[in-house]
Amino acid sequence: SSTKEWAAREGKDWEPYWKDENTKLVHFIGKDNIVFHCIIFPSMLK
């Protein structure tokens, strides 16, 4: 949703940043969030 907000403001299409296989997605987190970002969220996306 933050990407959508940015893209709308900048006149961009948000979808390539989340749905294009040539986009590199990197999550910066602390170790207490590993399970949520590596197990749960990817399962949701899948």
All heavy atoms as atom14 arrays in JSON, in Angstrom:
{
  "sequence": "SSTKEWAAREGKDWEPYWKDENTKLVHFIGKDNIVFHCIIFPSMLK",
  "atom14_mask": [
    [1, 1, 1, 1, 1, 1, 0, 0, 0, 0, 0, 0, 0, 0],
    [1, 1, 1, 1, 1, 1, 0, 0, 0, 0, 0, 0, 0, 0],
    [1, 1, 1, 1, 1, 1, 1, 0, 0, 0, 0, 0, 0, 0],
    [1, 1, 1, 1, 1, 1, 1, 1, 1, 0, 0, 0, 0, 0],
    [1, 1, 1, 1, 1, 1, 1, 1, 1, 0, 0, 0, 0, 0],
    [1, 1, 1, 1, 1, 1, 1, 1, 1, 1, 1, 1, 1, 1],
    [1, 1, 1, 1, 1, 0, 0, 0, 0, 0, 0, 0, 0, 0],
    [1, 1, 1, 1, 1, 0, 0, 0, 0, 0, 0, 0, 0, 0],
    [1, 1, 1, 1, 1, 1, 1, 1, 1, 1, 1, 0, 0, 0],
    [1, 1, 1, 1, 1, 1, 1, 1, 1, 0, 0, 0, 0, 0],
    [1, 1, 1, 1, 0, 0, 0, 0, 0, 0, 0, 0, 0, 0],
    [1, 1, 1, 1, 1, 1, 1, 1, 1, 0, 0, 0, 0, 0],
    [1, 1, 1, 1, 1, 1, 1, 1, 0, 0, 0, 0, 0, 0],
    [1, 1, 1, 1, 1, 1, 1, 1, 1, 1, 1, 1, 1, 1],
    [1, 1, 1, 1, 1, 1, 1, 1, 1, 0, 0, 0, 0, 0],
    [1, 1, 1, 1, 1, 1, 1, 0, 0, 0, 0, 0, 0, 0],
    [1, 1, 1, 1, 1, 1, 1, 1, 1, 1, 1, 1, 0, 0],
    [1, 1, 1, 1, 1, 1, 1, 1, 1, 1, 1, 1, 1, 1],
    [1, 1, 1, 1, 1, 1, 1, 1, 1, 0, 0, 0, 0, 0],
    [1, 1, 1, 1, 1, 1, 1, 1, 0, 0, 0, 0, 0, 0],
    [1, 1, 1, 1, 1, 1, 1, 1, 1, 0, 0, 0, 0, 0],
    [1, 1, 1, 1, 1, 1, 1, 1, 0, 0, 0, 0, 0, 0],
    [1, 1, 1, 1, 1, 1, 1, 0, 0, 0, 0, 0, 0, 0],
    [1, 1, 1, 1, 1, 1, 1, 1, 1, 0, 0, 0, 0, 0],
    [1, 1, 1, 1, 1, 1, 1, 1, 0, 0, 0, 0, 0, 0],
    [1, 1, 1, 1, 1, 1, 1, 0, 0, 0, 0, 0, 0, 0],
    [1, 1, 1, 1, 1, 1, 1, 1, 1, 1, 0, 0, 0, 0],
    [1, 1, 1, 1, 1, 1, 1, 1, 1, 1, 1, 0, 0, 0],
    [1, 1, 1, 1, 1, 1, 1, 1, 0, 0, 0, 0, 0, 0],
    [1, 1, 1, 1, 0, 0, 0, 0, 0, 0, 0, 0, 0, 0],
    [1, 1, 1, 1, 1, 1, 1, 1, 1, 0, 0, 0, 0, 0],
    [1, 1, 1, 1, 1, 1, 1, 1, 0, 0, 0, 0, 0, 0],
    [1, 1, 1, 1, 1, 1, 1, 1, 0, 0, 0, 0, 0, 0],
    [1, 1, 1, 1, 1, 1, 1, 1, 0, 0, 0, 0, 0, 0],
    [1, 1, 1, 1, 1, 1, 1, 0, 0, 0, 0, 0, 0, 0],
    [1, 1, 1, 1, 1, 1, 1, 1, 1, 1, 1, 0, 0, 0],
    [1, 1, 1, 1, 1, 1, 1, 1, 1, 1, 0, 0, 0, 0],
    [1, 1, 1, 1, 1, 1, 0, 0, 0, 0, 0, 0, 0, 0],
    [1, 1, 1, 1, 1, 1, 1, 1, 0, 0, 0, 0, 0, 0],
    [1, 1, 1, 1, 1, 1, 1, 1, 0, 0, 0, 0, 0, 0],
    [1, 1, 1, 1, 1, 1, 1, 1, 1, 1, 1, 0, 0, 0],
    [1, 1, 1, 1, 1, 1, 1, 0, 0, 0, 0, 0, 0, 0],
    [1, 1, 1, 1, 1, 1, 0, 0, 0, 0, 0, 0, 0, 0],
    [1, 1, 1, 1, 1, 1, 1, 1, 0, 0, 0, 0, 0, 0],
    [1, 1, 1, 1, 1, 1, 1, 1, 0, 0, 0, 0, 0, 0],
    [1, 1, 1, 1, 1, 1, 1, 1, 1, 0, 0, 0, 0, 0]
  ],
  "atom14_positions": [
    [[0.83, -1.21, 0.0], [0.0, 0.0, 0.0], [0.86, 1.26, 0.0], [0.5, 2.27, -0.6], [-0.97, -0.01, 1.19], [-0.29, -0.09, 2.42], [0.0, 0.0, 0.0], [0.0, 0.0, 0.0], [0.0, 0.0, 0.0], [0.0, 0.0, 0.0], [0.0, 0.0, 0.0], [0.0, 0.0, 0.0], [0.0, 0.0, 0.0], [0.0, 0.0, 0.0]],
    [[2.02, 1.21, 0.67], [2.93, 2.36, 0.65], [3.47, 2.59, -0.75], [3.62, 3.73, -1.2], [4.08, 2.15, 1.63], [4.91, 3.29, 1.71], [0.0, 0.0, 0.0], [0.0, 0.0, 0.0], [0.0, 0.0, 0.0], [0.0, 0.0, 0.0], [0.0, 0.0, 0.0], [0.0, 0.0, 0.0], [0.0, 0.0, 0.0], [0.0, 0.0, 0.0]],
    [[3.76, 1.5, -1.46], [4.23, 1.61, -2.85], [3.14, 2.2, -3.73], [3.41, 3.04, -4.6], [4.66, 0.24, -3.39], [5.59, -0.37, -2.48], [5.31, 0.37, -4.76], [0.0, 0.0, 0.0], [0.0, 0.0, 0.0], [0.0, 0.0, 0.0], [0.0, 0.0, 0.0], [0.0, 0.0, 0.0], [0.0, 0.0, 0.0], [0.0, 0.0, 0.0]],
    [[1.9, 1.77, -3.51], [0.78, 2.33, -4.26], [0.66, 3.84, -4.03], [0.46, 4.62, -4.97], [-0.53, 1.66, -3.83], [-0.76, 0.26, -4.35], [-2.14, -0.22, -3.92], [-2.49, -1.58, -4.47], [-3.85, -2.01, -4.05], [0.0, 0.0, 0.0], [0.0, 0.0, 0.0], [0.0, 0.0, 0.0], [0.0, 0.0, 0.0], [0.0, 0.0, 0.0]],
    [[0.8, 4.25, -2.79], [0.68, 5.66, -2.43], [1.78, 6.47, -3.12], [1.52, 7.55, -3.67], [0.8, 5.79, -0.91], [0.39, 7.11, -0.33], [0.4, 7.07, 1.19], [1.5, 6.99, 1.79], [-0.69, 7.1, 1.8], [0.0, 0.0, 0.0], [0.0, 0.0, 0.0], [0.0, 0.0, 0.0], [0.0, 0.0, 0.0], [0.0, 0.0, 0.0]],
    [[3.0, 5.94, -3.11], [4.14, 6.62, -3.76], [3.92, 6.72, -5.26], [4.12, 7.78, -5.87], [5.41, 5.84, -3.44], [6.58, 6.16, -4.33], [7.34, 7.29, -4.32], [7.12, 5.32, -5.37], [8.32, 7.21, -5.28], [8.22, 6.02, -5.94], [6.79, 4.07, -5.86], [8.96, 5.48, -6.98], [7.55, 3.52, -6.9], [8.62, 4.24, -7.46]],
    [[3.52, 5.6, -5.88], [3.35, 5.57, -7.33], [2.27, 6.54, -7.79], [2.42, 7.23, -8.8], [3.02, 4.14, -7.79], [0.0, 0.0, 0.0], [0.0, 0.0, 0.0], [0.0, 0.0, 0.0], [0.0, 0.0, 0.0], [0.0, 0.0, 0.0], [0.0, 0.0, 0.0], [0.0, 0.0, 0.0], [0.0, 0.0, 0.0], [0.0, 0.0, 0.0]],
    [[1.17, 6.61, -7.01], [0.09, 7.54, -7.36], [0.58, 8.98, -7.3], [0.24, 9.8, -8.16], [-1.09, 7.32, -6.42], [0.0, 0.0, 0.0], [0.0, 0.0, 0.0], [0.0, 0.0, 0.0], [0.0, 0.0, 0.0], [0.0, 0.0, 0.0], [0.0, 0.0, 0.0], [0.0, 0.0, 0.0], [0.0, 0.0, 0.0], [0.0, 0.0, 0.0]],
    [[1.38, 9.29, -6.32], [1.9, 10.65, -6.17], [2.88, 11.0, -7.28], [2.92, 12.14, -7.76], [2.57, 10.79, -4.8], [3.02, 12.21, -4.49], [3.69, 12.33, -3.12], [4.97, 11.63, -3.09], [5.25, 10.6, -2.32], [4.32, 10.11, -1.5], [6.45, 10.03, -2.35], [0.0, 0.0, 0.0], [0.0, 0.0, 0.0], [0.0, 0.0, 0.0]],
    [[3.7, 10.01, -7.69], [4.74, 10.26, -8.68], [4.28, 9.99, -10.12], [5.06, 10.13, -11.06], [5.96, 9.37, -8.37], [6.6, 9.63, -7.02], [7.17, 11.02, -6.91], [7.71, 11.52, -7.91], [7.07, 11.62, -5.82], [0.0, 0.0, 0.0], [0.0, 0.0, 0.0], [0.0, 0.0, 0.0], [0.0, 0.0, 0.0], [0.0, 0.0, 0.0]],
    [[3.01, 9.57, -10.29], [2.51, 9.27, -11.62], [3.11, 8.02, -12.22], [3.32, 7.93, -13.43], [0.0, 0.0, 0.0], [0.0, 0.0, 0.0], [0.0, 0.0, 0.0], [0.0, 0.0, 0.0], [0.0, 0.0, 0.0], [0.0, 0.0, 0.0], [0.0, 0.0, 0.0], [0.0, 0.0, 0.0], [0.0, 0.0, 0.0], [0.0, 0.0, 0.0]],
    [[3.4, 7.02, -11.37], [4.0, 5.78, -11.81], [2.99, 4.63, -11.7], [1.95, 4.75, -11.05], [5.23, 5.43, -10.96], [6.42, 6.35, -11.12], [7.52, 5.96, -10.14], [8.78, 6.8, -10.34], [9.55, 6.34, -11.5], [0.0, 0.0, 0.0], [0.0, 0.0, 0.0], [0.0, 0.0, 0.0], [0.0, 0.0, 0.0], [0.0, 0.0, 0.0]],
    [[3.33, 3.51, -12.29], [2.56, 2.28, -12.15], [3.21, 1.48, -11.03], [4.39, 1.13, -11.11], [2.59, 1.51, -13.47], [1.8, 0.2, -13.4], [1.17, -0.07, -12.35], [1.83, -0.55, -14.39], [0.0, 0.0, 0.0], [0.0, 0.0, 0.0], [0.0, 0.0, 0.0], [0.0, 0.0, 0.0], [0.0, 0.0, 0.0], [0.0, 0.0, 0.0]],
    [[2.46, 1.15, -9.99], [3.04, 0.46, -8.84], [3.29, -1.02, -9.11], [4.19, -1.63, -8.49], [2.13, 0.58, -7.61], [0.85, -0.23, -7.69], [-0.34, 0.16, -8.21], [0.66, -1.58, -7.24], [-1.27, -0.85, -8.12], [-0.68, -1.93, -7.52], [1.48, -2.52, -6.63], [-1.21, -3.18, -7.22], [0.96, -3.77, -6.32], [-0.37, -4.1, -6.61]],
    [[2.55, -1.61, -10.02], [2.57, -3.07, -10.16], [3.93, -3.65, -10.53], [4.32, -4.69, -10.0], [1.48, -3.53, -11.12], [0.08, -3.34, -10.57], [-0.94, -4.26, -11.24], [-0.55, -5.03, -12.14], [-2.12, -4.2, -10.84], [0.0, 0.0, 0.0], [0.0, 0.0, 0.0], [0.0, 0.0, 0.0], [0.0, 0.0, 0.0], [0.0, 0.0, 0.0]],
    [[4.7, -3.03, -11.45], [6.01, -3.64, -11.76], [6.92, -3.79, -10.54], [7.76, -4.68, -10.51], [6.61, -2.66, -12.78], [5.42, -2.01, -13.42], [4.41, -1.88, -12.31], [0.0, 0.0, 0.0], [0.0, 0.0, 0.0], [0.0, 0.0, 0.0], [0.0, 0.0, 0.0], [0.0, 0.0, 0.0], [0.0, 0.0, 0.0], [0.0, 0.0, 0.0]],
    [[6.74, -2.91, -9.55], [7.6, -2.97, -8.36], [7.25, -4.15, -7.45], [8.0, -4.47, -6.53], [7.51, -1.65, -7.59], [8.13, -0.51, -8.36], [7.37, 0.24, -9.26], [9.47, -0.2, -8.23], [7.94, 1.28, -9.99], [10.05, 0.82, -8.95], [9.28, 1.56, -9.84], [9.86, 2.57, -10.56], [0.0, 0.0, 0.0], [0.0, 0.0, 0.0]],
    [[6.11, -4.8, -7.72], [5.69, -5.95, -6.91], [5.34, -7.18, -7.75], [5.22, -8.28, -7.2], [4.47, -5.57, -6.06], [4.87, -4.81, -4.84], [4.89, -3.45, -4.69], [5.36, -5.35, -3.62], [5.36, -3.12, -3.44], [5.65, -4.28, -2.75], [5.58, -6.66, -3.16], [6.15, -4.46, -1.46], [6.07, -6.85, -1.87], [6.36, -5.75, -1.04]],
    [[5.2, -7.01, -9.06], [4.71, -8.13, -9.85], [5.56, -8.46, -11.07], [5.23, -9.38, -11.81], [3.26, -7.85, -10.29], [2.3, -7.72, -9.1], [0.86, -7.61, -9.53], [-0.07, -7.57, -8.33], [-1.5, -7.58, -8.71], [0.0, 0.0, 0.0], [0.0, 0.0, 0.0], [0.0, 0.0, 0.0], [0.0, 0.0, 0.0], [0.0, 0.0, 0.0]],
    [[6.65, -7.74, -11.28], [7.52, -8.0, -12.42], [8.69, -8.86, -11.95], [9.39, -8.52, -11.0], [8.03, -6.67, -12.99], [8.78, -6.85, -14.31], [9.61, -7.78, -14.4], [8.52, -6.07, -15.24], [0.0, 0.0, 0.0], [0.0, 0.0, 0.0], [0.0, 0.0, 0.0], [0.0, 0.0, 0.0], [0.0, 0.0, 0.0], [0.0, 0.0, 0.0]],
    [[8.93, -9.97, -12.65], [9.97, -10.9, -12.24], [11.37, -10.31, -12.37], [12.34, -10.87, -11.83], [9.88, -12.19, -13.06], [10.08, -11.99, -14.55], [9.93, -13.27, -15.35], [9.49, -14.28, -14.77], [10.26, -13.26, -16.55], [0.0, 0.0, 0.0], [0.0, 0.0, 0.0], [0.0, 0.0, 0.0], [0.0, 0.0, 0.0], [0.0, 0.0, 0.0]],
    [[11.52, -9.19, -13.04], [12.82, -8.53, -13.14], [13.03, -7.47, -12.06], [13.96, -6.68, -12.13], [12.98, -7.89, -14.52], [13.13, -8.93, -15.61], [13.89, -9.89, -15.45], [12.4, -8.77, -16.7], [0.0, 0.0, 0.0], [0.0, 0.0, 0.0], [0.0, 0.0, 0.0], [0.0, 0.0, 0.0], [0.0, 0.0, 0.0], [0.0, 0.0, 0.0]],
    [[12.13, -7.46, -11.08], [12.28, -6.57, -9.92], [12.92, -7.34, -8.78], [12.56, -8.5, -8.51], [10.91, -6.05, -9.45], [10.35, -5.24, -10.49], [11.04, -5.21, -8.2], [0.0, 0.0, 0.0], [0.0, 0.0, 0.0], [0.0, 0.0, 0.0], [0.0, 0.0, 0.0], [0.0, 0.0, 0.0], [0.0, 0.0, 0.0], [0.0, 0.0, 0.0]],
    [[13.88, -6.73, -8.13], [14.53, -7.34, -6.96], [13.9, -6.78, -5.7], [13.98, -5.57, -5.44], [16.03, -7.08, -6.98], [16.79, -7.77, -5.84], [18.29, -7.65, -6.02], [19.03, -8.39, -4.92], [20.5, -8.36, -5.12], [0.0, 0.0, 0.0], [0.0, 0.0, 0.0], [0.0, 0.0, 0.0], [0.0, 0.0, 0.0], [0.0, 0.0, 0.0]],
    [[13.26, -7.63, -4.92], [12.59, -7.24, -3.67], [13.47, -7.64, -2.5], [13.86, -8.81, -2.37], [11.22, -7.93, -3.58], [10.46, -7.82, -2.25], [10.12, -6.35, -1.94], [9.19, -8.67, -2.29], [0.0, 0.0, 0.0], [0.0, 0.0, 0.0], [0.0, 0.0, 0.0], [0.0, 0.0, 0.0], [0.0, 0.0, 0.0], [0.0, 0.0, 0.0]],
    [[13.79, -6.69, -1.64], [14.64, -6.94, -0.48], [13.95, -6.38, 0.77], [13.54, -5.22, 0.8], [16.03, -6.27, -0.63], [16.92, -6.59, 0.56], [16.71, -6.74, -1.92], [0.0, 0.0, 0.0], [0.0, 0.0, 0.0], [0.0, 0.0, 0.0], [0.0, 0.0, 0.0], [0.0, 0.0, 0.0], [0.0, 0.0, 0.0], [0.0, 0.0, 0.0]],
    [[13.81, -7.24, 1.8], [13.22, -6.83, 3.08], [14.33, -6.59, 4.1], [15.12, -7.5, 4.37], [12.29, -7.91, 3.64], [11.08, -8.21, 2.82], [10.26, -7.23, 2.33], [10.54, -9.39, 2.43], [9.25, -7.79, 1.67], [9.4, -9.1, 1.7], [0.0, 0.0, 0.0], [0.0, 0.0, 0.0], [0.0, 0.0, 0.0], [0.0, 0.0, 0.0]],
    [[14.38, -5.41, 4.71], [15.3, -5.14, 5.83], [14.5, -5.22, 7.13], [13.54, -4.47, 7.32], [15.96, -3.77, 5.67], [17.06, -3.76, 4.65], [16.78, -3.51, 3.32], [18.37, -4.01, 5.02], [17.79, -3.51, 2.36], [19.39, -4.01, 4.07], [19.1, -3.76, 2.74], [0.0, 0.0, 0.0], [0.0, 0.0, 0.0], [0.0, 0.0, 0.0]],
    [[14.93, -6.13, 8.01], [14.19, -6.38, 9.25], [15.16, -6.73, 10.37], [16.36, -6.95, 10.13], [13.19, -7.55, 9.09], [13.93, -8.82, 8.66], [12.09, -7.2, 8.09], [13.1, -10.07, 8.71], [0.0, 0.0, 0.0], [0.0, 0.0, 0.0], [0.0, 0.0, 0.0], [0.0, 0.0, 0.0], [0.0, 0.0, 0.0], [0.0, 0.0, 0.0]],
    [[14.64, -6.84, 11.59], [15.38, -7.4, 12.72], [15.07, -8.88, 12.83], [14.13, -9.39, 12.24], [0.0, 0.0, 0.0], [0.0, 0.0, 0.0], [0.0, 0.0, 0.0], [0.0, 0.0, 0.0], [0.0, 0.0, 0.0], [0.0, 0.0, 0.0], [0.0, 0.0, 0.0], [0.0, 0.0, 0.0], [0.0, 0.0, 0.0], [0.0, 0.0, 0.0]],
    [[15.87, -9.59, 13.63], [15.73, -11.04, 13.68], [14.4, -11.52, 14.26], [13.97, -12.64, 13.99], [16.88, -11.66, 14.47], [16.89, -11.4, 15.97], [18.04, -12.16, 16.63], [18.14, -11.88, 18.12], [19.27, -12.59, 18.75], [0.0, 0.0, 0.0], [0.0, 0.0, 0.0], [0.0, 0.0, 0.0], [0.0, 0.0, 0.0], [0.0, 0.0, 0.0]],
    [[13.74, -10.66, 15.03], [12.45, -11.06, 15.59], [11.35, -11.1, 14.54], [10.24, -11.58, 14.81], [12.05, -10.13, 16.74], [12.08, -8.66, 16.34], [12.81, -8.3, 15.41], [11.39, -7.86, 17.0], [0.0, 0.0, 0.0], [0.0, 0.0, 0.0], [0.0, 0.0, 0.0], [0.0, 0.0, 0.0], [0.0, 0.0, 0.0], [0.0, 0.0, 0.0]],
    [[11.63, -10.61, 13.35], [10.63, -10.59, 12.27], [10.92, -11.58, 11.15], [10.25, -11.57, 10.11], [10.52, -9.18, 11.66], [9.81, -8.21, 12.59], [9.09, -8.63, 13.47], [10.04, -6.93, 12.37], [0.0, 0.0, 0.0], [0.0, 0.0, 0.0], [0.0, 0.0, 0.0], [0.0, 0.0, 0.0], [0.0, 0.0, 0.0], [0.0, 0.0, 0.0]],
    [[11.92, -12.44, 11.34], [12.33, -13.36, 10.27], [11.18, -14.27, 9.86], [10.89, -14.44, 8.67], [13.55, -14.19, 10.71], [14.8, -13.3, 10.77], [13.79, -15.35, 9.75], [16.03, -13.98, 11.34], [0.0, 0.0, 0.0], [0.0, 0.0, 0.0], [0.0, 0.0, 0.0], [0.0, 0.0, 0.0], [0.0, 0.0, 0.0], [0.0, 0.0, 0.0]],
    [[10.51, -14.86, 10.83], [9.44, -15.82, 10.52], [8.34, -15.16, 9.69], [7.84, -15.74, 8.72], [8.85, -16.41, 11.82], [7.56, -17.17, 11.54], [9.87, -17.32, 12.48], [0.0, 0.0, 0.0], [0.0, 0.0, 0.0], [0.0, 0.0, 0.0], [0.0, 0.0, 0.0], [0.0, 0.0, 0.0], [0.0, 0.0, 0.0], [0.0, 0.0, 0.0]],
    [[7.97, -13.94, 10.06], [6.88, -13.27, 9.37], [7.24, -12.9, 7.93], [6.41, -12.97, 7.04], [6.46, -12.03, 10.15], [5.94, -12.36, 11.52], [6.72, -12.12, 12.64], [4.71, -12.93, 11.69], [6.25, -12.43, 13.91], [4.23, -13.25, 12.96], [5.0, -13.0, 14.06], [0.0, 0.0, 0.0], [0.0, 0.0, 0.0], [0.0, 0.0, 0.0]],
    [[8.51, -12.51, 7.7], [8.92, -12.06, 6.37], [9.45, -13.18, 5.48], [9.52, -13.01, 4.26], [9.99, -10.98, 6.49], [9.46, -9.66, 6.94], [9.1, -9.4, 8.25], [9.19, -8.51, 6.26], [8.66, -8.16, 8.35], [8.7, -7.6, 7.16], [0.0, 0.0, 0.0], [0.0, 0.0, 0.0], [0.0, 0.0, 0.0], [0.0, 0.0, 0.0]],
    [[9.82, -14.29, 6.07], [10.38, -15.4, 5.28], [9.44, -16.59, 5.17], [9.59, -17.4, 4.25], [11.7, -15.87, 5.89], [12.98, -14.61, 5.91], [0.0, 0.0, 0.0], [0.0, 0.0, 0.0], [0.0, 0.0, 0.0], [0.0, 0.0, 0.0], [0.0, 0.0, 0.0], [0.0, 0.0, 0.0], [0.0, 0.0, 0.0], [0.0, 0.0, 0.0]],
    [[8.51, -16.72, 6.09], [7.59, -17.86, 6.08], [6.15, -17.41, 5.8], [5.52, -17.82, 4.83], [7.63, -18.63, 7.42], [9.06, -19.09, 7.75], [6.65, -19.8, 7.4], [9.59, -20.19, 6.89], [0.0, 0.0, 0.0], [0.0, 0.0, 0.0], [0.0, 0.0, 0.0], [0.0, 0.0, 0.0], [0.0, 0.0, 0.0], [0.0, 0.0, 0.0]],
    [[5.63, -16.51, 6.65], [4.21, -16.16, 6.57], [3.9, -15.26, 5.38], [3.02, -15.57, 4.56], [3.75, -15.5, 7.89], [3.92, -16.49, 9.05], [2.3, -15.06, 7.79], [3.61, -15.91, 10.42], [0.0, 0.0, 0.0], [0.0, 0.0, 0.0], [0.0, 0.0, 0.0], [0.0, 0.0, 0.0], [0.0, 0.0, 0.0], [0.0, 0.0, 0.0]],
    [[4.61, -14.12, 5.24], [4.32, -13.19, 4.15], [4.56, -13.83, 2.77], [3.71, -13.71, 1.87], [5.13, -11.9, 4.31], [4.75, -10.8, 3.35], [3.42, -10.54, 3.04], [5.73, -10.02, 2.75], [3.07, -9.52, 2.16], [5.39, -9.0, 1.87], [4.06, -8.75, 1.57], [0.0, 0.0, 0.0], [0.0, 0.0, 0.0], [0.0, 0.0, 0.0]],
    [[5.67, -14.56, 2.56], [5.83, -15.23, 1.26], [4.72, -16.26, 0.98], [4.32, -16.42, -0.17], [7.2, -15.91, 1.39], [7.94, -15.08, 2.37], [6.91, -14.65, 3.36], [0.0, 0.0, 0.0], [0.0, 0.0, 0.0], [0.0, 0.0, 0.0], [0.0, 0.0, 0.0], [0.0, 0.0, 0.0], [0.0, 0.0, 0.0], [0.0, 0.0, 0.0]],
    [[4.24, -16.93, 2.03], [3.13, -17.87, 1.83], [1.87, -17.12, 1.4], [1.1, -17.6, 0.56], [2.88, -18.66, 3.11], [3.99, -19.47, 3.43], [0.0, 0.0, 0.0], [0.0, 0.0, 0.0], [0.0, 0.0, 0.0], [0.0, 0.0, 0.0], [0.0, 0.0, 0.0], [0.0, 0.0, 0.0], [0.0, 0.0, 0.0], [0.0, 0.0, 0.0]],
    [[1.65, -15.92, 1.98], [0.53, -15.09, 1.58], [0.66, -14.67, 0.12], [-0.3, -14.73, -0.66], [0.44, -13.84, 2.48], [0.04, -14.12, 3.92], [0.42, -12.72, 5.04], [-0.37, -11.34, 4.21], [0.0, 0.0, 0.0], [0.0, 0.0, 0.0], [0.0, 0.0, 0.0], [0.0, 0.0, 0.0], [0.0, 0.0, 0.0], [0.0, 0.0, 0.0]],
    [[1.88, -14.25, -0.26], [2.12, -13.82, -1.64], [1.96, -14.98, -2.62], [1.4, -14.83, -3.71], [3.52, -13.21, -1.76], [3.79, -11.94, -0.95], [5.25, -11.53, -1.07], [2.88, -10.79, -1.39], [0.0, 0.0, 0.0], [0.0, 0.0, 0.0], [0.0, 0.0, 0.0], [0.0, 0.0, 0.0], [0.0, 0.0, 0.0], [0.0, 0.0, 0.0]],
    [[2.45, -16.14, -2.2], [2.33, -17.32, -3.05], [0.87, -17.71, -3.23], [0.43, -18.06, -4.34], [3.1, -18.47, -2.41], [3.1, -19.77, -3.22], [3.96, -19.64, -4.46], [4.1, -20.97, -5.17], [4.86, -20.84, -6.44], [0.0, 0.0, 0.0], [0.0, 0.0, 0.0], [0.0, 0.0, 0.0], [0.0, 0.0, 0.0], [0.0, 0.0, 0.0]]
  ]
}
